[in-house]
């Protein structure tokens, strides 16, 4: 059976909370009227059970059931570590 949960790739902006990171995901799209390429970003709170992520890391997050009031994503893998 095919996995129906979405995955997104983004950078960790904050790791100050316990077992939670804030991930910024950027996306580009063509404006419907002016046809200019627009870049927007959205912030997601993701569950990081081992607290392995740090600010600047590139991570893949996966959609999950609601874990708290604002947390609906889980950190799946760390693609690239940030320089320390």
N, C-alpha and C. Protein backbone atom coordinates (compact mmCIF):
# COMPACT_ATOMS: atom_id res chain seq x y z
N UNK A 1 0.84 -1.18 0.00
CA UNK A 1 0.00 0.00 0.00
C UNK A 1 0.88 1.25 0.00
N UNK A 2 0.48 2.26 -0.74
CA UNK A 2 1.27 3.47 -0.88
C UNK A 2 1.15 4.34 0.37
N UNK A 3 2.29 4.92 0.78
CA UNK A 3 2.30 5.84 1.93
C UNK A 3 1.65 7.15 1.51
N UNK A 4 0.63 7.59 2.25
CA UNK A 4 -0.13 8.78 1.87
C UNK A 4 0.32 10.05 2.60
N UNK A 5 1.25 9.91 3.52
CA UNK A 5 1.68 11.07 4.28
C UNK A 5 2.67 11.90 3.49
N UNK A 6 2.51 13.21 3.55
CA UNK A 6 3.37 14.13 2.81
C UNK A 6 4.74 14.25 3.48
N UNK A 7 5.74 14.54 2.69
CA UNK A 7 7.07 14.85 3.22
C UNK A 7 7.51 16.19 2.67
N UNK A 8 8.20 16.97 3.50
CA UNK A 8 8.71 18.27 3.11
C UNK A 8 10.17 18.37 3.52
N UNK A 9 10.92 19.21 2.83
CA UNK A 9 12.33 19.43 3.14
C UNK A 9 12.52 20.88 3.54
N UNK A 10 13.22 21.09 4.65
CA UNK A 10 13.43 22.46 5.11
C UNK A 10 14.60 22.58 6.07
N UNK A 11 14.88 23.82 6.48
CA UNK A 11 15.98 24.12 7.40
C UNK A 11 15.44 24.34 8.81
N UNK A 12 16.20 23.88 9.79
CA UNK A 12 15.84 24.07 11.19
C UNK A 12 16.15 25.50 11.59
N UNK A 13 15.13 26.20 12.11
CA UNK A 13 15.31 27.58 12.54
C UNK A 13 15.55 27.67 14.04
N UNK A 14 14.92 26.78 14.81
CA UNK A 14 15.03 26.84 16.26
C UNK A 14 15.01 25.43 16.84
N UNK A 15 15.86 25.22 17.86
CA UNK A 15 15.87 23.94 18.57
C UNK A 15 15.82 24.17 20.08
N UNK A 16 15.22 25.27 20.49
CA UNK A 16 15.20 25.66 21.91
C UNK A 16 14.20 24.87 22.74
N UNK A 17 13.19 24.28 22.11
CA UNK A 17 12.20 23.50 22.84
C UNK A 17 12.69 22.07 23.03
N UNK A 18 12.12 21.38 24.00
CA UNK A 18 12.47 19.98 24.23
C UNK A 18 11.73 19.10 23.23
N UNK A 19 12.47 18.27 22.51
CA UNK A 19 11.93 17.31 21.55
C UNK A 19 11.11 17.96 20.43
N UNK A 20 11.33 19.24 20.17
CA UNK A 20 10.62 19.95 19.11
C UNK A 20 11.59 20.88 18.39
N UNK A 21 11.47 20.93 17.06
CA UNK A 21 12.24 21.89 16.27
C UNK A 21 11.28 22.66 15.37
N UNK A 22 11.67 23.88 15.03
CA UNK A 22 10.91 24.70 14.09
C UNK A 22 11.62 24.63 12.75
N UNK A 23 10.90 24.18 11.71
CA UNK A 23 11.49 23.98 10.39
C UNK A 23 10.85 24.95 9.41
N UNK A 24 11.68 25.66 8.64
CA UNK A 24 11.22 26.57 7.62
C UNK A 24 11.29 25.87 6.26
N UNK A 25 10.14 25.81 5.57
CA UNK A 25 10.07 25.17 4.26
C UNK A 25 9.77 26.25 3.22
N UNK A 26 10.66 26.39 2.24
CA UNK A 26 10.47 27.36 1.17
C UNK A 26 9.86 26.70 -0.05
N UNK A 27 8.98 27.42 -0.72
CA UNK A 27 8.43 26.92 -1.98
C UNK A 27 8.34 28.06 -2.97
N UNK A 28 8.47 27.74 -4.25
CA UNK A 28 8.36 28.73 -5.31
C UNK A 28 7.19 28.38 -6.20
N UNK A 29 6.53 29.42 -6.70
CA UNK A 29 5.40 29.22 -7.61
C UNK A 29 5.25 30.45 -8.49
N UNK A 30 4.58 30.27 -9.61
CA UNK A 30 4.34 31.39 -10.52
C UNK A 30 3.09 32.14 -10.07
N UNK A 31 3.20 33.45 -9.97
CA UNK A 31 2.05 34.26 -9.58
C UNK A 31 0.96 34.12 -10.64
N UNK A 32 -0.31 33.89 -10.23
CA UNK A 32 -1.36 33.61 -11.22
C UNK A 32 -1.65 34.76 -12.19
N UNK A 33 -1.47 36.01 -11.76
CA UNK A 33 -1.78 37.14 -12.63
C UNK A 33 -0.53 37.69 -13.32
N UNK A 34 0.55 37.86 -12.55
CA UNK A 34 1.73 38.53 -13.09
C UNK A 34 2.79 37.56 -13.61
N UNK A 35 2.63 36.26 -13.40
CA UNK A 35 3.52 35.22 -13.92
C UNK A 35 4.98 35.39 -13.49
N UNK A 36 5.17 36.04 -12.36
CA UNK A 36 6.52 36.17 -11.80
C UNK A 36 6.71 35.04 -10.79
N UNK A 37 7.92 34.52 -10.72
CA UNK A 37 8.20 33.45 -9.77
C UNK A 37 8.32 34.07 -8.38
N UNK A 38 7.49 33.57 -7.46
CA UNK A 38 7.44 34.09 -6.10
C UNK A 38 7.94 33.02 -5.15
N UNK A 39 8.72 33.44 -4.16
CA UNK A 39 9.24 32.51 -3.15
C UNK A 39 8.57 32.81 -1.81
N UNK A 40 7.97 31.79 -1.20
CA UNK A 40 7.37 31.95 0.12
C UNK A 40 7.92 30.89 1.05
N UNK A 41 7.83 31.16 2.34
CA UNK A 41 8.28 30.17 3.31
C UNK A 41 7.21 30.01 4.39
N UNK A 42 7.17 28.82 4.96
CA UNK A 42 6.22 28.52 6.01
C UNK A 42 6.96 27.77 7.11
N UNK A 43 6.57 28.02 8.34
CA UNK A 43 7.23 27.40 9.49
C UNK A 43 6.36 26.27 10.03
N UNK A 44 6.99 25.13 10.30
CA UNK A 44 6.31 23.98 10.87
C UNK A 44 7.02 23.57 12.15
N UNK A 45 6.26 23.15 13.15
CA UNK A 45 6.84 22.56 14.35
C UNK A 45 6.87 21.05 14.15
N UNK A 46 8.04 20.46 14.35
CA UNK A 46 8.22 19.03 14.11
C UNK A 46 8.79 18.35 15.35
N UNK A 47 8.37 17.10 15.56
CA UNK A 47 8.82 16.31 16.70
C UNK A 47 10.19 15.72 16.42
N UNK A 48 11.12 15.95 17.34
CA UNK A 48 12.49 15.43 17.24
C UNK A 48 12.78 14.69 18.54
N UNK A 49 12.47 13.39 18.56
CA UNK A 49 12.50 12.61 19.80
C UNK A 49 13.89 12.58 20.44
N UNK A 50 14.96 12.45 19.66
CA UNK A 50 16.30 12.34 20.22
C UNK A 50 16.97 13.71 20.40
N UNK A 51 16.31 14.79 20.02
CA UNK A 51 16.89 16.14 20.03
C UNK A 51 18.21 16.16 19.27
N UNK A 52 18.23 15.52 18.10
CA UNK A 52 19.44 15.40 17.29
C UNK A 52 19.63 16.60 16.36
N UNK A 53 18.56 17.32 16.04
CA UNK A 53 18.64 18.43 15.10
C UNK A 53 19.14 19.70 15.79
N UNK A 54 19.88 20.50 15.03
CA UNK A 54 20.37 21.79 15.52
C UNK A 54 20.08 22.84 14.46
N UNK A 55 20.20 24.10 14.85
CA UNK A 55 19.90 25.21 13.95
C UNK A 55 20.76 25.13 12.70
N UNK A 56 20.13 25.25 11.54
CA UNK A 56 20.83 25.23 10.26
C UNK A 56 20.83 23.89 9.56
N UNK A 57 20.42 22.82 10.24
CA UNK A 57 20.38 21.50 9.62
C UNK A 57 19.29 21.44 8.55
N UNK A 58 19.56 20.70 7.48
CA UNK A 58 18.57 20.44 6.44
C UNK A 58 17.90 19.11 6.78
N UNK A 59 16.58 19.12 6.95
CA UNK A 59 15.87 17.92 7.41
C UNK A 59 14.67 17.62 6.50
N UNK A 60 14.25 16.35 6.54
CA UNK A 60 13.02 15.93 5.89
C UNK A 60 12.02 15.67 6.99
N UNK A 61 10.84 16.31 6.90
CA UNK A 61 9.79 16.10 7.90
C UNK A 61 8.62 15.37 7.25
N UNK A 62 7.94 14.55 8.05
CA UNK A 62 6.83 13.73 7.56
C UNK A 62 5.57 14.08 8.35
N UNK A 63 4.46 14.12 7.66
CA UNK A 63 3.17 14.41 8.29
C UNK A 63 2.81 13.31 9.29
N UNK A 64 2.19 13.70 10.40
CA UNK A 64 1.82 12.73 11.43
C UNK A 64 0.50 13.14 12.09
N UNK A 65 0.07 12.32 13.02
CA UNK A 65 -1.13 12.67 13.78
C UNK A 65 -0.81 13.86 14.67
N UNK A 66 -1.80 14.58 15.17
CA UNK A 66 -1.51 15.70 16.07
C UNK A 66 -0.79 15.22 17.34
N UNK A 67 0.38 15.80 17.60
CA UNK A 67 1.16 15.44 18.77
C UNK A 67 0.98 16.45 19.90
N UNK A 68 0.64 17.68 19.55
CA UNK A 68 0.32 18.72 20.51
C UNK A 68 -0.54 19.75 19.78
N UNK A 69 -0.73 20.92 20.39
CA UNK A 69 -1.61 21.91 19.78
C UNK A 69 -1.14 22.35 18.40
N UNK A 70 0.16 22.50 18.22
CA UNK A 70 0.68 22.99 16.94
C UNK A 70 1.58 22.00 16.21
N UNK A 71 1.89 20.87 16.83
CA UNK A 71 2.87 19.94 16.26
C UNK A 71 2.14 18.81 15.51
N UNK A 72 2.37 18.76 14.18
CA UNK A 72 1.75 17.74 13.33
C UNK A 72 2.75 17.08 12.39
N UNK A 73 4.03 17.27 12.63
CA UNK A 73 5.08 16.74 11.77
C UNK A 73 6.14 16.04 12.61
N UNK A 74 6.85 15.08 12.01
CA UNK A 74 7.93 14.34 12.67
C UNK A 74 9.18 14.46 11.80
N UNK A 75 10.32 14.68 12.43
CA UNK A 75 11.59 14.72 11.69
C UNK A 75 11.91 13.29 11.27
N UNK A 76 12.01 13.08 9.96
CA UNK A 76 12.28 11.74 9.43
C UNK A 76 13.79 11.49 9.34
N UNK A 77 14.50 12.37 8.64
CA UNK A 77 15.95 12.21 8.51
C UNK A 77 16.62 13.58 8.49
N UNK A 78 17.89 13.59 8.86
CA UNK A 78 18.71 14.79 8.74
C UNK A 78 19.54 14.61 7.47
N UNK A 79 19.27 15.44 6.47
CA UNK A 79 19.93 15.33 5.17
C UNK A 79 21.34 15.90 5.23
N UNK A 80 21.47 17.06 5.86
CA UNK A 80 22.76 17.76 5.88
C UNK A 80 22.92 18.48 7.20
N UNK A 81 24.08 18.31 7.83
CA UNK A 81 24.37 18.97 9.10
C UNK A 81 24.90 20.38 8.83
N UNK A 82 24.57 21.30 9.73
CA UNK A 82 25.08 22.67 9.62
C UNK A 82 26.50 22.71 10.18
N UNK A 83 27.29 23.65 9.70
CA UNK A 83 28.65 23.83 10.23
C UNK A 83 28.56 24.40 11.62
N UNK A 84 29.42 23.91 12.50
CA UNK A 84 29.42 24.39 13.88
C UNK A 84 30.47 25.45 14.05
